[in-house]
Amino acid sequence: IGVVDTNYILEKLPQYREAEKRLAAQ
């Protein structure tokens, strides 16, 4: 069994953070 934290992974991806900023602006 393994465990992964996808929210942590997403936070570490700069493209995702940029896309989140664009969504927040909209």
mmCIF file of all heavy atoms, coordinates in Angstrom:
data_MODEL
# 
_entry.id   MODEL 
# 
loop_
_atom_site.group_PDB 
_atom_site.id 
_atom_site.type_symbol 
_atom_site.label_atom_id 
_atom_site.label_alt_id 
_atom_site.label_comp_id 
_atom_site.label_asym_id 
_atom_site.label_entity_id 
_atom_site.label_seq_id 
_atom_site.pdbx_PDB_ins_code 
_atom_site.Cartn_x 
_atom_site.Cartn_y 
_atom_site.Cartn_z 
_atom_site.occupancy 
_atom_site.B_iso_or_equiv 
_atom_site.pdbx_formal_charge 
_atom_site.auth_seq_id 
_atom_site.auth_comp_id 
_atom_site.auth_asym_id 
_atom_site.auth_atom_id 
_atom_site.pdbx_PDB_model_num 
ATOM 1   N N   . ILE A 1 1  ? 0.842   -1.185 0.000   1.00 0.00 ? 1  ILE A N   1 
ATOM 2   C CA  . ILE A 1 1  ? 0.000   0.000  0.000   1.00 0.00 ? 1  ILE A CA  1 
ATOM 3   C C   . ILE A 1 1  ? 0.882   1.241  0.000   1.00 0.00 ? 1  ILE A C   1 
ATOM 4   O O   . ILE A 1 1  ? 1.888   1.307  0.702   1.00 0.00 ? 1  ILE A O   1 
ATOM 5   C CB  . ILE A 1 1  ? -0.929  0.021  1.230   1.00 0.00 ? 1  ILE A CB  1 
ATOM 6   C CG1 . ILE A 1 1  ? -1.875  -1.179 1.195   1.00 0.00 ? 1  ILE A CG1 1 
ATOM 7   C CG2 . ILE A 1 1  ? -1.714  1.318  1.307   1.00 0.00 ? 1  ILE A CG2 1 
ATOM 8   C CD1 . ILE A 1 1  ? -2.742  -1.315 2.420   1.00 0.00 ? 1  ILE A CD1 1 
ATOM 9   N N   . GLY A 1 2  ? 0.473   2.222  -0.780  1.00 0.00 ? 2  GLY A N   1 
ATOM 10  C CA  . GLY A 1 2  ? 1.160   3.503  -0.808  1.00 0.00 ? 2  GLY A CA  1 
ATOM 11  C C   . GLY A 1 2  ? 0.159   4.631  -0.644  1.00 0.00 ? 2  GLY A C   1 
ATOM 12  O O   . GLY A 1 2  ? -1.034  4.465  -0.878  1.00 0.00 ? 2  GLY A O   1 
ATOM 13  N N   . VAL A 1 3  ? 0.663   5.774  -0.238  1.00 0.00 ? 3  VAL A N   1 
ATOM 14  C CA  . VAL A 1 3  ? -0.175  6.941  -0.034  1.00 0.00 ? 3  VAL A CA  1 
ATOM 15  C C   . VAL A 1 3  ? 0.432   8.108  -0.807  1.00 0.00 ? 3  VAL A C   1 
ATOM 16  O O   . VAL A 1 3  ? 1.644   8.275  -0.841  1.00 0.00 ? 3  VAL A O   1 
ATOM 17  C CB  . VAL A 1 3  ? -0.295  7.291  1.469   1.00 0.00 ? 3  VAL A CB  1 
ATOM 18  C CG1 . VAL A 1 3  ? -1.098  8.554  1.682   1.00 0.00 ? 3  VAL A CG1 1 
ATOM 19  C CG2 . VAL A 1 3  ? -0.911  6.138  2.226   1.00 0.00 ? 3  VAL A CG2 1 
ATOM 20  N N   . VAL A 1 4  ? -0.440  8.909  -1.428  1.00 0.00 ? 4  VAL A N   1 
ATOM 21  C CA  . VAL A 1 4  ? -0.020  10.073 -2.199  1.00 0.00 ? 4  VAL A CA  1 
ATOM 22  C C   . VAL A 1 4  ? -0.914  11.247 -1.799  1.00 0.00 ? 4  VAL A C   1 
ATOM 23  O O   . VAL A 1 4  ? -2.090  11.066 -1.526  1.00 0.00 ? 4  VAL A O   1 
ATOM 24  C CB  . VAL A 1 4  ? -0.156  9.797  -3.718  1.00 0.00 ? 4  VAL A CB  1 
ATOM 25  C CG1 . VAL A 1 4  ? 0.140   11.027 -4.530  1.00 0.00 ? 4  VAL A CG1 1 
ATOM 26  C CG2 . VAL A 1 4  ? 0.730   8.651  -4.139  1.00 0.00 ? 4  VAL A CG2 1 
ATOM 27  N N   . ASP A 1 5  ? -0.343  12.435 -1.756  1.00 0.00 ? 5  ASP A N   1 
ATOM 28  C CA  . ASP A 1 5  ? -1.102  13.654 -1.459  1.00 0.00 ? 5  ASP A CA  1 
ATOM 29  C C   . ASP A 1 5  ? -1.178  14.496 -2.730  1.00 0.00 ? 5  ASP A C   1 
ATOM 30  O O   . ASP A 1 5  ? -0.256  15.230 -3.063  1.00 0.00 ? 5  ASP A O   1 
ATOM 31  C CB  . ASP A 1 5  ? -0.425  14.432 -0.343  1.00 0.00 ? 5  ASP A CB  1 
ATOM 32  C CG  . ASP A 1 5  ? -1.233  15.631 0.124   1.00 0.00 ? 5  ASP A CG  1 
ATOM 33  O OD1 . ASP A 1 5  ? -2.199  16.010 -0.560  1.00 0.00 ? 5  ASP A OD1 1 
ATOM 34  O OD2 . ASP A 1 5  ? -0.887  16.192 1.184   1.00 0.00 ? 5  ASP A OD2 1 
ATOM 35  N N   . THR A 1 6  ? -2.294  14.369 -3.468  1.00 0.00 ? 6  THR A N   1 
ATOM 36  C CA  . THR A 1 6  ? -2.400  15.065 -4.750  1.00 0.00 ? 6  THR A CA  1 
ATOM 37  C C   . THR A 1 6  ? -2.500  16.585 -4.582  1.00 0.00 ? 6  THR A C   1 
ATOM 38  O O   . THR A 1 6  ? -2.027  17.323 -5.447  1.00 0.00 ? 6  THR A O   1 
ATOM 39  C CB  . THR A 1 6  ? -3.612  14.563 -5.561  1.00 0.00 ? 6  THR A CB  1 
ATOM 40  O OG1 . THR A 1 6  ? -4.790  14.686 -4.787  1.00 0.00 ? 6  THR A OG1 1 
ATOM 41  C CG2 . THR A 1 6  ? -3.411  13.128 -5.995  1.00 0.00 ? 6  THR A CG2 1 
ATOM 42  N N   . ASN A 1 7  ? -3.073  17.050 -3.489  1.00 0.00 ? 7  ASN A N   1 
ATOM 43  C CA  . ASN A 1 7  ? -3.122  18.501 -3.278  1.00 0.00 ? 7  ASN A CA  1 
ATOM 44  C C   . ASN A 1 7  ? -1.718  19.078 -3.126  1.00 0.00 ? 7  ASN A C   1 
ATOM 45  O O   . ASN A 1 7  ? -1.416  20.143 -3.666  1.00 0.00 ? 7  ASN A O   1 
ATOM 46  C CB  . ASN A 1 7  ? -3.967  18.853 -2.053  1.00 0.00 ? 7  ASN A CB  1 
ATOM 47  C CG  . ASN A 1 7  ? -5.443  18.699 -2.309  1.00 0.00 ? 7  ASN A CG  1 
ATOM 48  O OD1 . ASN A 1 7  ? -5.894  18.655 -3.443  1.00 0.00 ? 7  ASN A OD1 1 
ATOM 49  N ND2 . ASN A 1 7  ? -6.213  18.605 -1.248  1.00 0.00 ? 7  ASN A ND2 1 
ATOM 50  N N   . TYR A 1 8  ? -0.866  18.395 -2.397  1.00 0.00 ? 8  TYR A N   1 
ATOM 51  C CA  . TYR A 1 8  ? 0.517   18.820 -2.238  1.00 0.00 ? 8  TYR A CA  1 
ATOM 52  C C   . TYR A 1 8  ? 1.222   18.852 -3.593  1.00 0.00 ? 8  TYR A C   1 
ATOM 53  O O   . TYR A 1 8  ? 1.941   19.801 -3.911  1.00 0.00 ? 8  TYR A O   1 
ATOM 54  C CB  . TYR A 1 8  ? 1.244   17.864 -1.274  1.00 0.00 ? 8  TYR A CB  1 
ATOM 55  C CG  . TYR A 1 8  ? 2.721   18.138 -1.129  1.00 0.00 ? 8  TYR A CG  1 
ATOM 56  C CD1 . TYR A 1 8  ? 3.182   19.143 -0.285  1.00 0.00 ? 8  TYR A CD1 1 
ATOM 57  C CD2 . TYR A 1 8  ? 3.657   17.393 -1.833  1.00 0.00 ? 8  TYR A CD2 1 
ATOM 58  C CE1 . TYR A 1 8  ? 4.545   19.396 -0.143  1.00 0.00 ? 8  TYR A CE1 1 
ATOM 59  C CE2 . TYR A 1 8  ? 5.018   17.639 -1.703  1.00 0.00 ? 8  TYR A CE2 1 
ATOM 60  C CZ  . TYR A 1 8  ? 5.455   18.635 -0.866  1.00 0.00 ? 8  TYR A CZ  1 
ATOM 61  O OH  . TYR A 1 8  ? 6.794   18.882 -0.742  1.00 0.00 ? 8  TYR A OH  1 
ATOM 62  N N   . ILE A 1 9  ? 0.993   17.831 -4.388  1.00 0.00 ? 9  ILE A N   1 
ATOM 63  C CA  . ILE A 1 9  ? 1.613   17.754 -5.716  1.00 0.00 ? 9  ILE A CA  1 
ATOM 64  C C   . ILE A 1 9  ? 1.142   18.924 -6.580  1.00 0.00 ? 9  ILE A C   1 
ATOM 65  O O   . ILE A 1 9  ? 1.947   19.592 -7.232  1.00 0.00 ? 9  ILE A O   1 
ATOM 66  C CB  . ILE A 1 9  ? 1.298   16.407 -6.392  1.00 0.00 ? 9  ILE A CB  1 
ATOM 67  C CG1 . ILE A 1 9  ? 2.000   15.260 -5.645  1.00 0.00 ? 9  ILE A CG1 1 
ATOM 68  C CG2 . ILE A 1 9  ? 1.718   16.416 -7.858  1.00 0.00 ? 9  ILE A CG2 1 
ATOM 69  C CD1 . ILE A 1 9  ? 1.561   13.882 -6.059  1.00 0.00 ? 9  ILE A CD1 1 
ATOM 70  N N   . LEU A 1 10 ? -0.159  19.179 -6.585  1.00 0.00 ? 10 LEU A N   1 
ATOM 71  C CA  . LEU A 1 10 ? -0.693  20.279 -7.384  1.00 0.00 ? 10 LEU A CA  1 
ATOM 72  C C   . LEU A 1 10 ? -0.103  21.623 -6.958  1.00 0.00 ? 10 LEU A C   1 
ATOM 73  O O   . LEU A 1 10 ? 0.218   22.462 -7.800  1.00 0.00 ? 10 LEU A O   1 
ATOM 74  C CB  . LEU A 1 10 ? -2.221  20.322 -7.292  1.00 0.00 ? 10 LEU A CB  1 
ATOM 75  C CG  . LEU A 1 10 ? -2.966  19.230 -8.050  1.00 0.00 ? 10 LEU A CG  1 
ATOM 76  C CD1 . LEU A 1 10 ? -4.449  19.265 -7.705  1.00 0.00 ? 10 LEU A CD1 1 
ATOM 77  C CD2 . LEU A 1 10 ? -2.759  19.356 -9.543  1.00 0.00 ? 10 LEU A CD2 1 
ATOM 78  N N   . GLU A 1 11 ? 0.043   21.819 -5.658  1.00 0.00 ? 11 GLU A N   1 
ATOM 79  C CA  . GLU A 1 11 ? 0.616   23.070 -5.156  1.00 0.00 ? 11 GLU A CA  1 
ATOM 80  C C   . GLU A 1 11 ? 2.055   23.265 -5.608  1.00 0.00 ? 11 GLU A C   1 
ATOM 81  O O   . GLU A 1 11 ? 2.517   24.398 -5.720  1.00 0.00 ? 11 GLU A O   1 
ATOM 82  C CB  . GLU A 1 11 ? 0.548   23.114 -3.630  1.00 0.00 ? 11 GLU A CB  1 
ATOM 83  C CG  . GLU A 1 11 ? -0.851  23.262 -3.083  1.00 0.00 ? 11 GLU A CG  1 
ATOM 84  C CD  . GLU A 1 11 ? -0.923  23.074 -1.583  1.00 0.00 ? 11 GLU A CD  1 
ATOM 85  O OE1 . GLU A 1 11 ? 0.142   23.020 -0.915  1.00 0.00 ? 11 GLU A OE1 1 
ATOM 86  O OE2 . GLU A 1 11 ? -2.044  22.974 -1.058  1.00 0.00 ? 11 GLU A OE2 1 
ATOM 87  N N   . LYS A 1 12 ? 2.743   22.188 -5.874  1.00 0.00 ? 12 LYS A N   1 
ATOM 88  C CA  . LYS A 1 12 ? 4.155   22.261 -6.287  1.00 0.00 ? 12 LYS A CA  1 
ATOM 89  C C   . LYS A 1 12 ? 4.325   22.457 -7.793  1.00 0.00 ? 12 LYS A C   1 
ATOM 90  O O   . LYS A 1 12 ? 5.428   22.702 -8.257  1.00 0.00 ? 12 LYS A O   1 
ATOM 91  C CB  . LYS A 1 12 ? 4.902   20.995 -5.857  1.00 0.00 ? 12 LYS A CB  1 
ATOM 92  C CG  . LYS A 1 12 ? 5.007   20.824 -4.365  1.00 0.00 ? 12 LYS A CG  1 
ATOM 93  C CD  . LYS A 1 12 ? 5.830   21.925 -3.768  1.00 0.00 ? 12 LYS A CD  1 
ATOM 94  C CE  . LYS A 1 12 ? 5.950   21.776 -2.274  1.00 0.00 ? 12 LYS A CE  1 
ATOM 95  N NZ  . LYS A 1 12 ? 6.696   22.874 -1.671  1.00 0.00 ? 12 LYS A NZ  1 
ATOM 96  N N   . LEU A 1 13 ? 3.252   22.361 -8.551  1.00 0.00 ? 13 LEU A N   1 
ATOM 97  C CA  . LEU A 1 13 ? 3.335   22.530 -9.997  1.00 0.00 ? 13 LEU A CA  1 
ATOM 98  C C   . LEU A 1 13 ? 3.077   23.992 -10.359 1.00 0.00 ? 13 LEU A C   1 
ATOM 99  O O   . LEU A 1 13 ? 1.971   24.500 -10.166 1.00 0.00 ? 13 LEU A O   1 
ATOM 100 C CB  . LEU A 1 13 ? 2.316   21.633 -10.707 1.00 0.00 ? 13 LEU A CB  1 
ATOM 101 C CG  . LEU A 1 13 ? 2.502   20.128 -10.516 1.00 0.00 ? 13 LEU A CG  1 
ATOM 102 C CD1 . LEU A 1 13 ? 1.361   19.368 -11.171 1.00 0.00 ? 13 LEU A CD1 1 
ATOM 103 C CD2 . LEU A 1 13 ? 3.837   19.672 -11.080 1.00 0.00 ? 13 LEU A CD2 1 
ATOM 104 N N   . PRO A 1 14 ? 4.081   24.690 -10.895 1.00 0.00 ? 14 PRO A N   1 
ATOM 105 C CA  . PRO A 1 14 ? 3.908   26.115 -11.193 1.00 0.00 ? 14 PRO A CA  1 
ATOM 106 C C   . PRO A 1 14 ? 2.797   26.390 -12.212 1.00 0.00 ? 14 PRO A C   1 
ATOM 107 O O   . PRO A 1 14 ? 2.098   27.397 -12.100 1.00 0.00 ? 14 PRO A O   1 
ATOM 108 C CB  . PRO A 1 14 ? 5.262   26.552 -11.752 1.00 0.00 ? 14 PRO A CB  1 
ATOM 109 C CG  . PRO A 1 14 ? 6.151   25.379 -11.738 1.00 0.00 ? 14 PRO A CG  1 
ATOM 110 C CD  . PRO A 1 14 ? 5.407   24.208 -11.200 1.00 0.00 ? 14 PRO A CD  1 
ATOM 111 N N   . GLN A 1 15 ? 2.613   25.496 -13.180 1.00 0.00 ? 15 GLN A N   1 
ATOM 112 C CA  . GLN A 1 15 ? 1.559   25.713 -14.181 1.00 0.00 ? 15 GLN A CA  1 
ATOM 113 C C   . GLN A 1 15 ? 0.180   25.670 -13.528 1.00 0.00 ? 15 GLN A C   1 
ATOM 114 O O   . GLN A 1 15 ? -0.717  26.412 -13.917 1.00 0.00 ? 15 GLN A O   1 
ATOM 115 C CB  . GLN A 1 15 ? 1.609   24.648 -15.293 1.00 0.00 ? 15 GLN A CB  1 
ATOM 116 C CG  . GLN A 1 15 ? 2.918   24.536 -15.985 1.00 0.00 ? 15 GLN A CG  1 
ATOM 117 C CD  . GLN A 1 15 ? 3.803   23.465 -15.343 1.00 0.00 ? 15 GLN A CD  1 
ATOM 118 O OE1 . GLN A 1 15 ? 3.690   23.162 -14.160 1.00 0.00 ? 15 GLN A OE1 1 
ATOM 119 N NE2 . GLN A 1 15 ? 4.692   22.902 -16.127 1.00 0.00 ? 15 GLN A NE2 1 
ATOM 120 N N   . TYR A 1 16 ? 0.008   24.794 -12.558 1.00 0.00 ? 16 TYR A N   1 
ATOM 121 C CA  . TYR A 1 16 ? -1.268  24.694 -11.865 1.00 0.00 ? 16 TYR A CA  1 
ATOM 122 C C   . TYR A 1 16 ? -1.523  25.960 -11.045 1.00 0.00 ? 16 TYR A C   1 
ATOM 123 O O   . TYR A 1 16 ? -2.627  26.494 -11.050 1.00 0.00 ? 16 TYR A O   1 
ATOM 124 C CB  . TYR A 1 16 ? -1.306  23.459 -10.960 1.00 0.00 ? 16 TYR A CB  1 
ATOM 125 C CG  . TYR A 1 16 ? -2.620  23.300 -10.235 1.00 0.00 ? 16 TYR A CG  1 
ATOM 126 C CD1 . TYR A 1 16 ? -3.732  22.801 -10.890 1.00 0.00 ? 16 TYR A CD1 1 
ATOM 127 C CD2 . TYR A 1 16 ? -2.755  23.673 -8.903  1.00 0.00 ? 16 TYR A CD2 1 
ATOM 128 C CE1 . TYR A 1 16 ? -4.952  22.672 -10.239 1.00 0.00 ? 16 TYR A CE1 1 
ATOM 129 C CE2 . TYR A 1 16 ? -3.964  23.543 -8.249  1.00 0.00 ? 16 TYR A CE2 1 
ATOM 130 C CZ  . TYR A 1 16 ? -5.061  23.039 -8.922  1.00 0.00 ? 16 TYR A CZ  1 
ATOM 131 O OH  . TYR A 1 16 ? -6.262  22.925 -8.271  1.00 0.00 ? 16 TYR A OH  1 
ATOM 132 N N   . ARG A 1 17 ? -0.492  26.434 -10.344 1.00 0.00 ? 17 ARG A N   1 
ATOM 133 C CA  . ARG A 1 17 ? -0.646  27.655 -9.549  1.00 0.00 ? 17 ARG A CA  1 
ATOM 134 C C   . ARG A 1 17 ? -1.007  28.840 -10.447 1.00 0.00 ? 17 ARG A C   1 
ATOM 135 O O   . ARG A 1 17 ? -1.846  29.658 -10.096 1.00 0.00 ? 17 ARG A O   1 
ATOM 136 C CB  . ARG A 1 17 ? 0.624   27.939 -8.750  1.00 0.00 ? 17 ARG A CB  1 
ATOM 137 C CG  . ARG A 1 17 ? 0.835   26.976 -7.593  1.00 0.00 ? 17 ARG A CG  1 
ATOM 138 C CD  . ARG A 1 17 ? 1.899   27.450 -6.635  1.00 0.00 ? 17 ARG A CD  1 
ATOM 139 N NE  . ARG A 1 17 ? 3.115   27.915 -7.261  1.00 0.00 ? 17 ARG A NE  1 
ATOM 140 C CZ  . ARG A 1 17 ? 4.218   27.202 -7.424  1.00 0.00 ? 17 ARG A CZ  1 
ATOM 141 N NH1 . ARG A 1 17 ? 4.257   25.954 -7.004  1.00 0.00 ? 17 ARG A NH1 1 
ATOM 142 N NH2 . ARG A 1 17 ? 5.292   27.722 -7.988  1.00 0.00 ? 17 ARG A NH2 1 
ATOM 143 N N   . GLU A 1 18 ? -0.384  28.921 -11.625 1.00 0.00 ? 18 GLU A N   1 
ATOM 144 C CA  . GLU A 1 18 ? -0.683  29.993 -12.570 1.00 0.00 ? 18 GLU A CA  1 
ATOM 145 C C   . GLU A 1 18 ? -2.131  29.887 -13.071 1.00 0.00 ? 18 GLU A C   1 
ATOM 146 O O   . GLU A 1 18 ? -2.847  30.888 -13.159 1.00 0.00 ? 18 GLU A O   1 
ATOM 147 C CB  . GLU A 1 18 ? 0.287   29.954 -13.750 1.00 0.00 ? 18 GLU A CB  1 
ATOM 148 C CG  . GLU A 1 18 ? 0.075   31.045 -14.758 1.00 0.00 ? 18 GLU A CG  1 
ATOM 149 C CD  . GLU A 1 18 ? 0.218   32.446 -14.190 1.00 0.00 ? 18 GLU A CD  1 
ATOM 150 O OE1 . GLU A 1 18 ? 1.074   32.659 -13.309 1.00 0.00 ? 18 GLU A OE1 1 
ATOM 151 O OE2 . GLU A 1 18 ? -0.542  33.330 -14.624 1.00 0.00 ? 18 GLU A OE2 1 
ATOM 152 N N   . ALA A 1 19 ? -2.560  28.687 -13.382 1.00 0.00 ? 19 ALA A N   1 
ATOM 153 C CA  . ALA A 1 19 ? -3.933  28.476 -13.837 1.00 0.00 ? 19 ALA A CA  1 
ATOM 154 C C   . ALA A 1 19 ? -4.929  28.833 -12.727 1.00 0.00 ? 19 ALA A C   1 
ATOM 155 O O   . ALA A 1 19 ? -5.976  29.426 -12.996 1.00 0.00 ? 19 ALA A O   1 
ATOM 156 C CB  . ALA A 1 19 ? -4.125  27.035 -14.293 1.00 0.00 ? 19 ALA A CB  1 
ATOM 157 N N   . GLU A 1 20 ? -4.603  28.501 -11.490 1.00 0.00 ? 20 GLU A N   1 
ATOM 158 C CA  . GLU A 1 20 ? -5.458  28.851 -10.351 1.00 0.00 ? 20 GLU A CA  1 
ATOM 159 C C   . GLU A 1 20 ? -5.556  30.367 -10.199 1.00 0.00 ? 20 GLU A C   1 
ATOM 160 O O   . GLU A 1 20 ? -6.625  30.895 -9.894  1.00 0.00 ? 20 GLU A O   1 
ATOM 161 C CB  . GLU A 1 20 ? -4.913  28.237 -9.051  1.00 0.00 ? 20 GLU A CB  1 
ATOM 162 C CG  . GLU A 1 20 ? -5.302  26.803 -8.832  1.00 0.00 ? 20 GLU A CG  1 
ATOM 163 C CD  . GLU A 1 20 ? -6.762  26.654 -8.426  1.00 0.00 ? 20 GLU A CD  1 
ATOM 164 O OE1 . GLU A 1 20 ? -7.300  27.484 -7.678  1.00 0.00 ? 20 GLU A OE1 1 
ATOM 165 O OE2 . GLU A 1 20 ? -7.373  25.684 -8.876  1.00 0.00 ? 20 GLU A OE2 1 
ATOM 166 N N   . LYS A 1 21 ? -4.448  31.073 -10.431 1.00 0.00 ? 21 LYS A N   1 
ATOM 167 C CA  . LYS A 1 21 ? -4.468  32.539 -10.350 1.00 0.00 ? 21 LYS A CA  1 
ATOM 168 C C   . LYS A 1 21 ? -5.381  33.126 -11.424 1.00 0.00 ? 21 LYS A C   1 
ATOM 169 O O   . LYS A 1 21 ? -6.127  34.068 -11.161 1.00 0.00 ? 21 LYS A O   1 
ATOM 170 C CB  . LYS A 1 21 ? -3.051  33.105 -10.505 1.00 0.00 ? 21 LYS A CB  1 
ATOM 171 C CG  . LYS A 1 21 ? -2.175  32.928 -9.300  1.00 0.00 ? 21 LYS A CG  1 
ATOM 172 C CD  . LYS A 1 21 ? -0.796  33.514 -9.558  1.00 0.00 ? 21 LYS A CD  1 
ATOM 173 C CE  . LYS A 1 21 ? 0.171   33.164 -8.445  1.00 0.00 ? 21 LYS A CE  1 
ATOM 174 N NZ  . LYS A 1 21 ? 1.540   33.597 -8.748  1.00 0.00 ? 21 LYS A NZ  1 
ATOM 175 N N   . ARG A 1 22 ? -5.303  32.576 -12.637 1.00 0.00 ? 22 ARG A N   1 
ATOM 176 C CA  . ARG A 1 22 ? -6.170  33.055 -13.714 1.00 0.00 ? 22 ARG A CA  1 
ATOM 177 C C   . ARG A 1 22 ? -7.638  32.805 -13.379 1.00 0.00 ? 22 ARG A C   1 
ATOM 178 O O   . ARG A 1 22 ? -8.493  33.672 -13.611 1.00 0.00 ? 22 ARG A O   1 
ATOM 179 C CB  . ARG A 1 22 ? -5.811  32.386 -15.049 1.00 0.00 ? 22 ARG A CB  1 
ATOM 180 C CG  . ARG A 1 22 ? -4.516  32.888 -15.657 1.00 0.00 ? 22 ARG A CG  1 
ATOM 181 C CD  . ARG A 1 22 ? -4.343  32.443 -17.101 1.00 0.00 ? 22 ARG A CD  1 
ATOM 182 N NE  . ARG A 1 22 ? -4.618  31.041 -17.353 1.00 0.00 ? 22 ARG A NE  1 
ATOM 183 C CZ  . ARG A 1 22 ? -3.727  30.058 -17.308 1.00 0.00 ? 22 ARG A CZ  1 
ATOM 184 N NH1 . ARG A 1 22 ? -2.481  30.307 -17.001 1.00 0.00 ? 22 ARG A NH1 1 
ATOM 185 N NH2 . ARG A 1 22 ? -4.090  28.811 -17.569 1.00 0.00 ? 22 ARG A NH2 1 
ATOM 186 N N   . LEU A 1 23 ? -7.927  31.645 -12.824 1.00 0.00 ? 23 LEU A N   1 
ATOM 187 C CA  . LEU A 1 23 ? -9.296  31.330 -12.432 1.00 0.00 ? 23 LEU A CA  1 
ATOM 188 C C   . LEU A 1 23 ? -9.766  32.276 -11.325 1.00 0.00 ? 23 LEU A C   1 
ATOM 189 O O   . LEU A 1 23 ? -10.884 32.790 -11.375 1.00 0.00 ? 23 LEU A O   1 
ATOM 190 C CB  . LEU A 1 23 ? -9.409  29.875 -11.977 1.00 0.00 ? 23 LEU A CB  1 
ATOM 191 C CG  . LEU A 1 23 ? -10.785 29.427 -11.497 1.00 0.00 ? 23 LEU A CG  1 
ATOM 192 C CD1 . LEU A 1 23 ? -11.811 29.528 -12.621 1.00 0.00 ? 23 LEU A CD1 1 
ATOM 193 C CD2 . LEU A 1 23 ? -10.727 28.004 -10.964 1.00 0.00 ? 23 LEU A CD2 1 
ATOM 194 N N   . ALA A 1 24 ? -8.915  32.529 -10.345 1.00 0.00 ? 24 ALA A N   1 
ATOM 195 C CA  . ALA A 1 24 ? -9.273  33.432 -9.250  1.00 0.00 ? 24 ALA A CA  1 
ATOM 196 C C   . ALA A 1 24 ? -9.523  34.845 -9.775  1.00 0.00 ? 24 ALA A C   1 
ATOM 197 O O   . ALA A 1 24 ? -10.440 35.533 -9.303  1.00 0.00 ? 24 ALA A O   1 
ATOM 198 C CB  . ALA A 1 24 ? -8.179  33.441 -8.184  1.00 0.00 ? 24 ALA A CB  1 
ATOM 199 N N   . ALA A 1 25 ? -8.732  35.282 -10.752 1.00 0.00 ? 25 ALA A N   1 
ATOM 200 C CA  . ALA A 1 25 ? -8.941  36.602 -11.342 1.00 0.00 ? 25 ALA A CA  1 
ATOM 201 C C   . ALA A 1 25 ? -10.294 36.667 -12.054 1.00 0.00 ? 25 ALA A C   1 
ATOM 202 O O   . ALA A 1 25 ? -11.014 37.673 -11.940 1.00 0.00 ? 25 ALA A O   1 
ATOM 203 C CB  . ALA A 1 25 ? -7.804  36.930 -12.315 1.00 0.00 ? 25 ALA A CB  1 
ATOM 204 N N   . GLN A 1 26 ? -10.644 35.601 -12.774 1.00 0.00 ? 26 GLN A N   1 
ATOM 205 C CA  . GLN A 1 26 ? -11.926 35.572 -13.469 1.00 0.00 ? 26 GLN A CA  1 
ATOM 206 C C   . GLN A 1 26 ? -13.080 35.580 -12.473 1.00 0.00 ? 26 GLN A C   1 
ATOM 207 O O   . GLN A 1 26 ? -14.063 36.304 -12.648 1.00 0.00 ? 26 GLN A O   1 
ATOM 208 C CB  . GLN A 1 26 ? -12.021 34.334 -14.367 1.00 0.00 ? 26 GLN A CB  1 
ATOM 209 C CG  . GLN A 1 26 ? -13.319 34.235 -15.145 1.00 0.00 ? 26 GLN A CG  1 
ATOM 210 C CD  . GLN A 1 26 ? -13.520 35.398 -16.098 1.00 0.00 ? 26 GLN A CD  1 
ATOM 211 O OE1 . GLN A 1 26 ? -12.722 35.605 -16.999 1.00 0.00 ? 26 GLN A OE1 1 
ATOM 212 N NE2 . GLN A 1 26 ? -14.578 36.159 -15.899 1.00 0.00 ? 26 GLN A NE2 1 
# 
